[in-house]
Amino acid sequence: MTTIDDPWTTGEHPVSVEDLQTIADEVWATFLDAGDVPPPADGSADAAVHATIAVLGSWTGQVVVECSRDAAERMAQQMLMVTEVSEADLDDTVGELVNVVGGNVKSLVPAPSSLGLPVTVTGRFTGGEEQELCRVEVDWAGHPVSVSVWTQAA
């Protein structure tokens, strides 16, 4: 796995790059054992898919998992143990990954807090008015997958 530097080193925020790296490592090892992963489908590597989930409470932010469509299809094949993947399968898979990562992030933030519902969208995540807190890049089966945490811009 490759780590991108944590831009906030003041200690004000409850989630660090190291925390996110540990969470990503554990989630990928648990859900996406990369044993026999089928080869990528042709023609979809350029399209991006992302899923977000909100953490709400005394600390508010978004957790984002972003990958190519190829990666999302292969993750769905792996997690669901199927060869044909529907749009619903793809959405469910990326949504479940962000849900599990989000639940782990929620456990790090001050109580009380709650987790929203995952939303999966085709396209790149832009962040809107939020600011990226930390990010890790997961190299899964030759596909980069980004896991990031965003918070309200200061």
N, C-alpha and C. Protein backbone atom coordinates (compact mmCIF):
# COMPACT_ATOMS: atom_id res chain seq x y z
N MET A 1 0.83 -1.18 0.00
CA MET A 1 0.00 0.00 0.00
C MET A 1 0.88 1.24 0.00
N THR A 2 0.39 2.26 -0.65
CA THR A 2 1.08 3.54 -0.71
C THR A 2 0.32 4.53 0.14
N THR A 3 1.03 5.34 0.88
CA THR A 3 0.39 6.33 1.73
C THR A 3 0.66 7.71 1.18
N ILE A 4 -0.35 8.56 1.18
CA ILE A 4 -0.18 9.96 0.83
C ILE A 4 -0.05 10.73 2.13
N ASP A 5 0.84 11.71 2.17
CA ASP A 5 1.11 12.45 3.39
C ASP A 5 -0.14 13.04 4.01
N ASP A 6 -0.18 13.04 5.33
CA ASP A 6 -1.26 13.63 6.10
C ASP A 6 -1.04 15.14 6.11
N PRO A 7 -1.95 15.94 5.51
CA PRO A 7 -1.73 17.37 5.44
C PRO A 7 -1.97 18.08 6.76
N TRP A 8 -2.56 17.41 7.74
CA TRP A 8 -2.87 18.06 9.00
C TRP A 8 -2.09 17.36 10.10
N THR A 9 -1.13 18.02 10.65
CA THR A 9 -0.29 17.39 11.66
C THR A 9 -0.48 18.01 13.04
N THR A 10 -1.53 18.80 13.22
CA THR A 10 -1.73 19.49 14.49
C THR A 10 -2.33 18.60 15.56
N GLY A 11 -2.85 17.45 15.20
CA GLY A 11 -3.48 16.57 16.17
C GLY A 11 -4.90 16.96 16.51
N GLU A 12 -5.48 17.95 15.81
CA GLU A 12 -6.84 18.41 16.08
C GLU A 12 -7.89 17.42 15.60
N HIS A 13 -7.53 16.56 14.68
CA HIS A 13 -8.50 15.68 14.04
C HIS A 13 -8.33 14.25 14.51
N PRO A 14 -9.44 13.55 14.69
CA PRO A 14 -9.38 12.22 15.30
C PRO A 14 -8.92 11.10 14.38
N VAL A 15 -8.73 11.36 13.09
CA VAL A 15 -8.35 10.30 12.16
C VAL A 15 -7.04 10.68 11.49
N SER A 16 -6.05 9.82 11.61
CA SER A 16 -4.74 10.07 11.00
C SER A 16 -4.54 9.15 9.80
N VAL A 17 -3.52 9.44 9.02
CA VAL A 17 -3.15 8.56 7.91
C VAL A 17 -2.86 7.16 8.43
N GLU A 18 -2.18 7.07 9.57
CA GLU A 18 -1.85 5.76 10.13
C GLU A 18 -3.12 4.99 10.49
N ASP A 19 -4.09 5.69 11.10
CA ASP A 19 -5.37 5.05 11.42
C ASP A 19 -6.05 4.53 10.16
N LEU A 20 -6.11 5.38 9.15
CA LEU A 20 -6.79 5.01 7.91
C LEU A 20 -6.07 3.88 7.20
N GLN A 21 -4.74 3.88 7.26
CA GLN A 21 -3.96 2.79 6.65
C GLN A 21 -4.29 1.46 7.33
N THR A 22 -4.34 1.47 8.65
CA THR A 22 -4.66 0.26 9.41
C THR A 22 -6.06 -0.24 9.07
N ILE A 23 -7.02 0.68 9.01
CA ILE A 23 -8.39 0.31 8.67
C ILE A 23 -8.44 -0.28 7.27
N ALA A 24 -7.83 0.39 6.30
CA ALA A 24 -7.84 -0.10 4.91
C ALA A 24 -7.19 -1.47 4.81
N ASP A 25 -6.05 -1.65 5.48
CA ASP A 25 -5.37 -2.96 5.46
C ASP A 25 -6.29 -4.06 5.97
N GLU A 26 -6.95 -3.80 7.11
CA GLU A 26 -7.81 -4.81 7.72
C GLU A 26 -9.05 -5.10 6.86
N VAL A 27 -9.67 -4.06 6.32
CA VAL A 27 -10.87 -4.26 5.51
C VAL A 27 -10.53 -5.02 4.24
N TRP A 28 -9.43 -4.63 3.58
CA TRP A 28 -9.08 -5.32 2.33
C TRP A 28 -8.67 -6.77 2.59
N ALA A 29 -7.98 -7.03 3.69
CA ALA A 29 -7.60 -8.41 4.01
C ALA A 29 -8.83 -9.26 4.32
N THR A 30 -9.82 -8.66 4.98
CA THR A 30 -11.01 -9.39 5.38
C THR A 30 -11.97 -9.63 4.21
N PHE A 31 -12.21 -8.60 3.43
CA PHE A 31 -13.24 -8.68 2.39
C PHE A 31 -12.71 -9.01 1.00
N LEU A 32 -11.45 -8.72 0.73
CA LEU A 32 -10.95 -8.84 -0.64
C LEU A 32 -9.65 -9.62 -0.71
N ASP A 33 -9.65 -10.82 -0.16
CA ASP A 33 -8.49 -11.69 -0.31
C ASP A 33 -8.24 -11.83 -1.80
N ALA A 34 -7.11 -11.36 -2.25
CA ALA A 34 -6.84 -11.27 -3.70
C ALA A 34 -6.34 -12.57 -4.28
N GLY A 35 -6.79 -13.71 -3.80
CA GLY A 35 -6.36 -14.99 -4.33
C GLY A 35 -6.50 -15.09 -5.84
N ASP A 36 -7.55 -15.69 -6.34
CA ASP A 36 -7.81 -15.82 -7.77
C ASP A 36 -8.77 -14.75 -8.23
N VAL A 37 -8.26 -13.58 -8.55
CA VAL A 37 -9.10 -12.49 -9.02
C VAL A 37 -9.16 -12.58 -10.53
N PRO A 38 -10.36 -12.56 -11.11
CA PRO A 38 -10.46 -12.67 -12.57
C PRO A 38 -9.83 -11.47 -13.28
N PRO A 39 -9.43 -11.64 -14.54
CA PRO A 39 -8.84 -10.52 -15.27
C PRO A 39 -9.85 -9.40 -15.47
N PRO A 40 -9.37 -8.15 -15.64
CA PRO A 40 -10.30 -7.03 -15.79
C PRO A 40 -11.09 -7.12 -17.08
N ALA A 41 -12.30 -6.60 -17.04
CA ALA A 41 -13.12 -6.50 -18.25
C ALA A 41 -12.55 -5.41 -19.14
N ASP A 42 -12.73 -5.53 -20.44
CA ASP A 42 -12.21 -4.54 -21.38
C ASP A 42 -13.07 -3.28 -21.37
N GLY A 43 -12.40 -2.12 -21.52
CA GLY A 43 -13.11 -0.88 -21.81
C GLY A 43 -13.64 -0.08 -20.65
N SER A 44 -13.49 -0.51 -19.41
CA SER A 44 -14.09 0.27 -18.33
C SER A 44 -13.08 0.86 -17.36
N ALA A 45 -11.80 0.76 -17.66
CA ALA A 45 -10.79 1.20 -16.70
C ALA A 45 -10.79 2.71 -16.48
N ASP A 46 -11.27 3.49 -17.45
CA ASP A 46 -11.22 4.94 -17.31
C ASP A 46 -12.36 5.52 -16.48
N ALA A 47 -13.46 4.81 -16.39
CA ALA A 47 -14.60 5.32 -15.62
C ALA A 47 -14.32 5.15 -14.14
N ALA A 48 -14.71 6.14 -13.35
CA ALA A 48 -14.48 6.07 -11.91
C ALA A 48 -15.78 5.82 -11.18
N VAL A 49 -15.67 5.16 -10.04
CA VAL A 49 -16.79 4.90 -9.16
C VAL A 49 -16.36 5.33 -7.77
N HIS A 50 -17.24 6.00 -7.04
CA HIS A 50 -16.91 6.29 -5.65
C HIS A 50 -18.14 6.09 -4.78
N ALA A 51 -17.87 5.77 -3.54
CA ALA A 51 -18.94 5.65 -2.54
C ALA A 51 -18.56 6.53 -1.36
N THR A 52 -19.55 7.20 -0.80
CA THR A 52 -19.32 8.05 0.36
C THR A 52 -20.27 7.63 1.48
N ILE A 53 -19.83 7.93 2.69
CA ILE A 53 -20.70 7.74 3.85
C ILE A 53 -20.38 8.85 4.85
N ALA A 54 -21.40 9.42 5.45
CA ALA A 54 -21.23 10.52 6.39
C ALA A 54 -21.06 9.99 7.81
N VAL A 55 -20.16 10.62 8.54
CA VAL A 55 -20.03 10.42 9.98
C VAL A 55 -20.56 11.71 10.60
N LEU A 56 -21.57 11.60 11.44
CA LEU A 56 -22.25 12.78 11.99
C LEU A 56 -22.18 12.76 13.51
N GLY A 57 -22.02 13.93 14.10
CA GLY A 57 -21.99 14.04 15.55
C GLY A 57 -21.11 15.19 15.98
N SER A 58 -20.39 15.02 17.09
CA SER A 58 -19.52 16.09 17.56
C SER A 58 -18.37 16.35 16.58
N TRP A 59 -18.05 15.36 15.76
CA TRP A 59 -17.14 15.52 14.63
C TRP A 59 -17.91 15.06 13.40
N THR A 60 -17.88 15.86 12.34
CA THR A 60 -18.62 15.53 11.13
C THR A 60 -17.66 15.43 9.96
N GLY A 61 -17.83 14.40 9.16
CA GLY A 61 -16.99 14.24 7.98
C GLY A 61 -17.57 13.21 7.03
N GLN A 62 -16.83 12.95 5.97
CA GLN A 62 -17.20 11.97 4.95
C GLN A 62 -16.06 10.98 4.80
N VAL A 63 -16.40 9.72 4.61
CA VAL A 63 -15.43 8.70 4.26
C VAL A 63 -15.72 8.35 2.81
N VAL A 64 -14.66 8.23 2.00
CA VAL A 64 -14.81 8.00 0.56
C VAL A 64 -13.94 6.83 0.13
N VAL A 65 -14.51 5.93 -0.65
CA VAL A 65 -13.75 4.89 -1.35
C VAL A 65 -13.94 5.16 -2.83
N GLU A 66 -12.83 5.28 -3.58
CA GLU A 66 -12.90 5.60 -5.00
C GLU A 66 -11.99 4.66 -5.78
N CYS A 67 -12.47 4.21 -6.93
CA CYS A 67 -11.69 3.28 -7.75
C CYS A 67 -12.18 3.34 -9.20
N SER A 68 -11.47 2.65 -10.06
CA SER A 68 -11.92 2.54 -11.44
C SER A 68 -13.12 1.59 -11.50
N ARG A 69 -13.85 1.66 -12.56
CA ARG A 69 -14.97 0.74 -12.75
C ARG A 69 -14.46 -0.70 -12.82
N ASP A 70 -13.31 -0.89 -13.48
CA ASP A 70 -12.69 -2.22 -13.52
C ASP A 70 -12.48 -2.77 -12.12
N ALA A 71 -11.87 -1.95 -11.27
CA ALA A 71 -11.60 -2.39 -9.90
C ALA A 71 -12.90 -2.71 -9.18
N ALA A 72 -13.91 -1.86 -9.34
CA ALA A 72 -15.20 -2.10 -8.67
C ALA A 72 -15.83 -3.41 -9.14
N GLU A 73 -15.76 -3.68 -10.44
CA GLU A 73 -16.31 -4.93 -10.96
C GLU A 73 -15.56 -6.14 -10.41
N ARG A 74 -14.25 -6.04 -10.37
CA ARG A 74 -13.45 -7.16 -9.85
C ARG A 74 -13.67 -7.36 -8.36
N MET A 75 -13.82 -6.26 -7.61
CA MET A 75 -14.11 -6.38 -6.19
C MET A 75 -15.47 -7.06 -5.99
N ALA A 76 -16.45 -6.69 -6.80
CA ALA A 76 -17.78 -7.32 -6.69
C ALA A 76 -17.69 -8.81 -7.01
N GLN A 77 -16.94 -9.16 -8.06
CA GLN A 77 -16.77 -10.58 -8.39
C GLN A 77 -16.15 -11.33 -7.22
N GLN A 78 -15.15 -10.72 -6.60
CA GLN A 78 -14.45 -11.36 -5.49
C GLN A 78 -15.34 -11.48 -4.25
N MET A 79 -15.98 -10.38 -3.86
CA MET A 79 -16.79 -10.39 -2.65
C MET A 79 -18.05 -11.25 -2.78
N LEU A 80 -18.67 -11.19 -3.96
CA LEU A 80 -19.94 -11.89 -4.16
C LEU A 80 -19.76 -13.28 -4.76
N MET A 81 -18.53 -13.60 -5.14
CA MET A 81 -18.18 -14.89 -5.74
C MET A 81 -19.06 -15.18 -6.96
N VAL A 82 -19.12 -14.21 -7.87
CA VAL A 82 -19.87 -14.33 -9.12
C VAL A 82 -18.97 -13.91 -10.28
N THR A 83 -19.33 -14.30 -11.49
CA THR A 83 -18.56 -13.87 -12.66
C THR A 83 -19.24 -12.70 -13.36
N GLU A 84 -20.57 -12.68 -13.37
CA GLU A 84 -21.32 -11.58 -13.97
C GLU A 84 -21.73 -10.61 -12.87
N VAL A 85 -21.46 -9.32 -13.09
CA VAL A 85 -21.75 -8.31 -12.08
C VAL A 85 -22.77 -7.32 -12.63
N SER A 86 -23.85 -7.12 -11.91
CA SER A 86 -24.85 -6.13 -12.30
C SER A 86 -24.48 -4.77 -11.70
N GLU A 87 -25.16 -3.72 -12.15
CA GLU A 87 -24.95 -2.39 -11.56
C GLU A 87 -25.26 -2.41 -10.07
N ALA A 88 -26.31 -3.12 -9.69
CA ALA A 88 -26.67 -3.21 -8.27
C ALA A 88 -25.57 -3.91 -7.48
N ASP A 89 -24.96 -4.95 -8.04
CA ASP A 89 -23.85 -5.64 -7.37
C ASP A 89 -22.67 -4.69 -7.17
N LEU A 90 -22.37 -3.93 -8.21
CA LEU A 90 -21.26 -2.98 -8.14
C LEU A 90 -21.53 -1.93 -7.06
N ASP A 91 -22.73 -1.35 -7.07
CA ASP A 91 -23.09 -0.35 -6.06
C ASP A 91 -23.04 -0.94 -4.66
N ASP A 92 -23.58 -2.14 -4.50
CA ASP A 92 -23.59 -2.79 -3.18
C ASP A 92 -22.19 -3.06 -2.67
N THR A 93 -21.30 -3.48 -3.55
CA THR A 93 -19.94 -3.83 -3.14
C THR A 93 -19.17 -2.60 -2.69
N VAL A 94 -19.13 -1.57 -3.51
CA VAL A 94 -18.38 -0.36 -3.15
C VAL A 94 -19.05 0.31 -1.95
N GLY A 95 -20.38 0.28 -1.91
CA GLY A 95 -21.10 0.82 -0.76
C GLY A 95 -20.80 0.07 0.52
N GLU A 96 -20.71 -1.25 0.45
CA GLU A 96 -20.38 -2.04 1.65
C GLU A 96 -18.96 -1.76 2.13
N LEU A 97 -18.03 -1.62 1.20
CA LEU A 97 -16.65 -1.31 1.60
C LEU A 97 -16.58 0.03 2.31
N VAL A 98 -17.24 1.07 1.77
CA VAL A 98 -17.21 2.38 2.44
C VAL A 98 -17.96 2.32 3.76
N ASN A 99 -19.00 1.50 3.86
CA ASN A 99 -19.73 1.34 5.11
C ASN A 99 -18.85 0.74 6.20
N VAL A 100 -18.08 -0.27 5.86
CA VAL A 100 -17.20 -0.91 6.85
C VAL A 100 -16.06 0.04 7.24
N VAL A 101 -15.45 0.69 6.25
CA VAL A 101 -14.40 1.67 6.55
C VAL A 101 -14.99 2.79 7.40
N GLY A 102 -16.16 3.29 7.01
CA GLY A 102 -16.81 4.36 7.76
C GLY A 102 -17.11 3.98 9.20
N GLY A 103 -17.56 2.76 9.42
CA GLY A 103 -17.81 2.29 10.79
C GLY A 103 -16.56 2.28 11.63
N ASN A 104 -15.44 1.90 11.02
CA ASN A 104 -14.17 1.92 11.74
C ASN A 104 -13.72 3.35 12.02
N VAL A 105 -13.92 4.26 11.07
CA VAL A 105 -13.59 5.67 11.30
C VAL A 105 -14.47 6.23 12.41
N LYS A 106 -15.77 5.91 12.38
CA LYS A 106 -16.70 6.37 13.42
C LYS A 106 -16.23 5.97 14.81
N SER A 107 -15.62 4.80 14.93
CA SER A 107 -15.16 4.34 16.24
C SER A 107 -14.00 5.19 16.77
N LEU A 108 -13.37 5.98 15.92
CA LEU A 108 -12.25 6.82 16.33
C LEU A 108 -12.66 8.24 16.73
N VAL A 109 -13.85 8.66 16.34
CA VAL A 109 -14.26 10.04 16.58
C VAL A 109 -14.98 10.15 17.91
N PRO A 110 -15.02 11.36 18.48
CA PRO A 110 -15.68 11.54 19.77
C PRO A 110 -17.17 11.21 19.71
N ALA A 111 -17.68 10.61 20.77
CA ALA A 111 -19.11 10.31 20.88
C ALA A 111 -19.84 11.60 21.27
N PRO A 112 -21.09 11.72 21.00
CA PRO A 112 -21.90 10.79 20.23
C PRO A 112 -21.66 10.98 18.74
N SER A 113 -21.81 9.90 18.01
CA SER A 113 -21.70 9.99 16.55
C SER A 113 -22.56 8.91 15.92
N SER A 114 -22.91 9.14 14.68
CA SER A 114 -23.70 8.15 13.94
C SER A 114 -23.17 8.08 12.52
N LEU A 115 -23.55 7.02 11.84
CA LEU A 115 -23.10 6.78 10.48
C LEU A 115 -24.30 6.89 9.55
N GLY A 116 -24.14 7.63 8.47
CA GLY A 116 -25.21 7.74 7.49
C GLY A 116 -25.28 6.48 6.64
N LEU A 117 -26.01 6.57 5.55
CA LEU A 117 -26.11 5.46 4.61
C LEU A 117 -25.12 5.67 3.47
N PRO A 118 -24.53 4.60 2.96
CA PRO A 118 -23.58 4.75 1.85
C PRO A 118 -24.29 5.17 0.56
N VAL A 119 -23.60 5.99 -0.22
CA VAL A 119 -24.10 6.42 -1.52
C VAL A 119 -23.00 6.12 -2.53
N THR A 120 -23.34 5.39 -3.59
CA THR A 120 -22.38 5.04 -4.64
C THR A 120 -22.74 5.81 -5.90
N VAL A 121 -21.71 6.42 -6.52
CA VAL A 121 -21.92 7.29 -7.68
C VAL A 121 -20.85 6.98 -8.72
N THR A 122 -21.23 7.04 -10.00
CA THR A 122 -20.25 6.95 -11.07
C THR A 122 -19.61 8.32 -11.22
N GLY A 123 -18.29 8.37 -11.26
CA GLY A 123 -17.57 9.63 -11.39
C GLY A 123 -16.61 9.82 -10.24
N ARG A 124 -15.79 10.81 -10.36
CA ARG A 124 -14.80 11.12 -9.33
C ARG A 124 -15.43 11.95 -8.21
N PHE A 125 -14.93 11.76 -6.99
CA PHE A 125 -15.38 12.53 -5.83
C PHE A 125 -14.66 13.87 -5.84
N THR A 126 -15.40 14.96 -5.71
CA THR A 126 -14.79 16.29 -5.75
C THR A 126 -14.65 16.93 -4.38
N GLY A 127 -15.41 16.49 -3.41
CA GLY A 127 -15.28 17.03 -2.06
C GLY A 127 -16.12 18.26 -1.79
N GLY A 128 -16.58 18.94 -2.82
CA GLY A 128 -17.40 20.13 -2.61
C GLY A 128 -16.70 21.14 -1.72
N GLU A 129 -17.35 21.50 -0.62
CA GLU A 129 -16.77 22.48 0.31
C GLU A 129 -15.99 21.80 1.43
N GLU A 130 -15.84 20.51 1.36
CA GLU A 130 -15.09 19.80 2.39
C GLU A 130 -13.61 19.77 2.04
N GLN A 131 -12.80 19.52 3.05
CA GLN A 131 -11.35 19.47 2.90
C GLN A 131 -10.86 18.07 3.24
N GLU A 132 -9.96 17.56 2.41
CA GLU A 132 -9.42 16.23 2.66
C GLU A 132 -8.57 16.24 3.92
N LEU A 133 -8.86 15.32 4.82
CA LEU A 133 -8.11 15.18 6.06
C LEU A 133 -6.96 14.21 5.88
N CYS A 134 -7.22 13.05 5.30
CA CYS A 134 -6.17 12.07 5.05
C CYS A 134 -6.62 11.12 3.96
N ARG A 135 -5.64 10.45 3.34
CA ARG A 135 -5.91 9.54 2.22
C ARG A 135 -4.85 8.45 2.21
N VAL A 136 -5.28 7.26 1.85
CA VAL A 136 -4.35 6.17 1.54
C VAL A 136 -4.75 5.59 0.20
N GLU A 137 -3.76 5.10 -0.52
CA GLU A 137 -3.98 4.45 -1.80
C GLU A 137 -3.73 2.96 -1.61
N VAL A 138 -4.72 2.15 -1.93
CA VAL A 138 -4.62 0.71 -1.81
C VAL A 138 -4.35 0.15 -3.21
N ASP A 139 -3.31 -0.65 -3.36
CA ASP A 139 -3.06 -1.32 -4.64
C ASP A 139 -3.68 -2.69 -4.54
N TRP A 140 -4.86 -2.85 -5.09
CA TRP A 140 -5.56 -4.13 -5.00
C TRP A 140 -5.60 -4.76 -6.38
N ALA A 141 -4.97 -5.92 -6.51
CA ALA A 141 -4.97 -6.70 -7.76
C ALA A 141 -4.56 -5.83 -8.95
N GLY A 142 -3.58 -4.96 -8.73
CA GLY A 142 -3.09 -4.11 -9.81
C GLY A 142 -3.93 -2.88 -10.07
N HIS A 143 -4.93 -2.63 -9.26
CA HIS A 143 -5.80 -1.47 -9.41
C HIS A 143 -5.64 -0.54 -8.22
N PRO A 144 -5.42 0.76 -8.46
CA PRO A 144 -5.38 1.69 -7.34
C PRO A 144 -6.79 1.95 -6.81
N VAL A 145 -6.92 1.91 -5.50
CA VAL A 145 -8.18 2.22 -4.84
C VAL A 145 -7.85 3.26 -3.77
N SER A 146 -8.57 4.36 -3.78
CA SER A 146 -8.33 5.45 -2.84
C SER A 146 -9.32 5.37 -1.69
N VAL A 147 -8.82 5.52 -0.47
CA VAL A 147 -9.66 5.59 0.72
C VAL A 147 -9.31 6.90 1.40
N SER A 148 -10.30 7.77 1.61
CA SER A 148 -10.00 9.08 2.17
C SER A 148 -11.07 9.51 3.18
N VAL A 149 -10.66 10.46 4.02
CA VAL A 149 -11.56 11.05 5.00
C VAL A 149 -11.56 12.55 4.76
N TRP A 150 -12.74 13.12 4.72
CA TRP A 150 -12.93 14.55 4.47
C TRP A 150 -13.69 15.16 5.64
N THR A 151 -13.43 16.44 5.91
CA THR A 151 -14.13 17.14 6.98
C THR A 151 -14.51 18.53 6.51
N GLN A 152 -15.30 19.21 7.31
CA GLN A 152 -15.72 20.56 6.96
C GLN A 152 -14.51 21.46 6.79
N ALA A 153 -14.49 22.26 5.72
CA ALA A 153 -13.39 23.19 5.48
C ALA A 153 -13.38 24.24 6.58
N ALA A 154 -12.18 24.62 6.99
CA ALA A 154 -12.03 25.60 8.08
C ALA A 154 -12.39 26.99 7.61
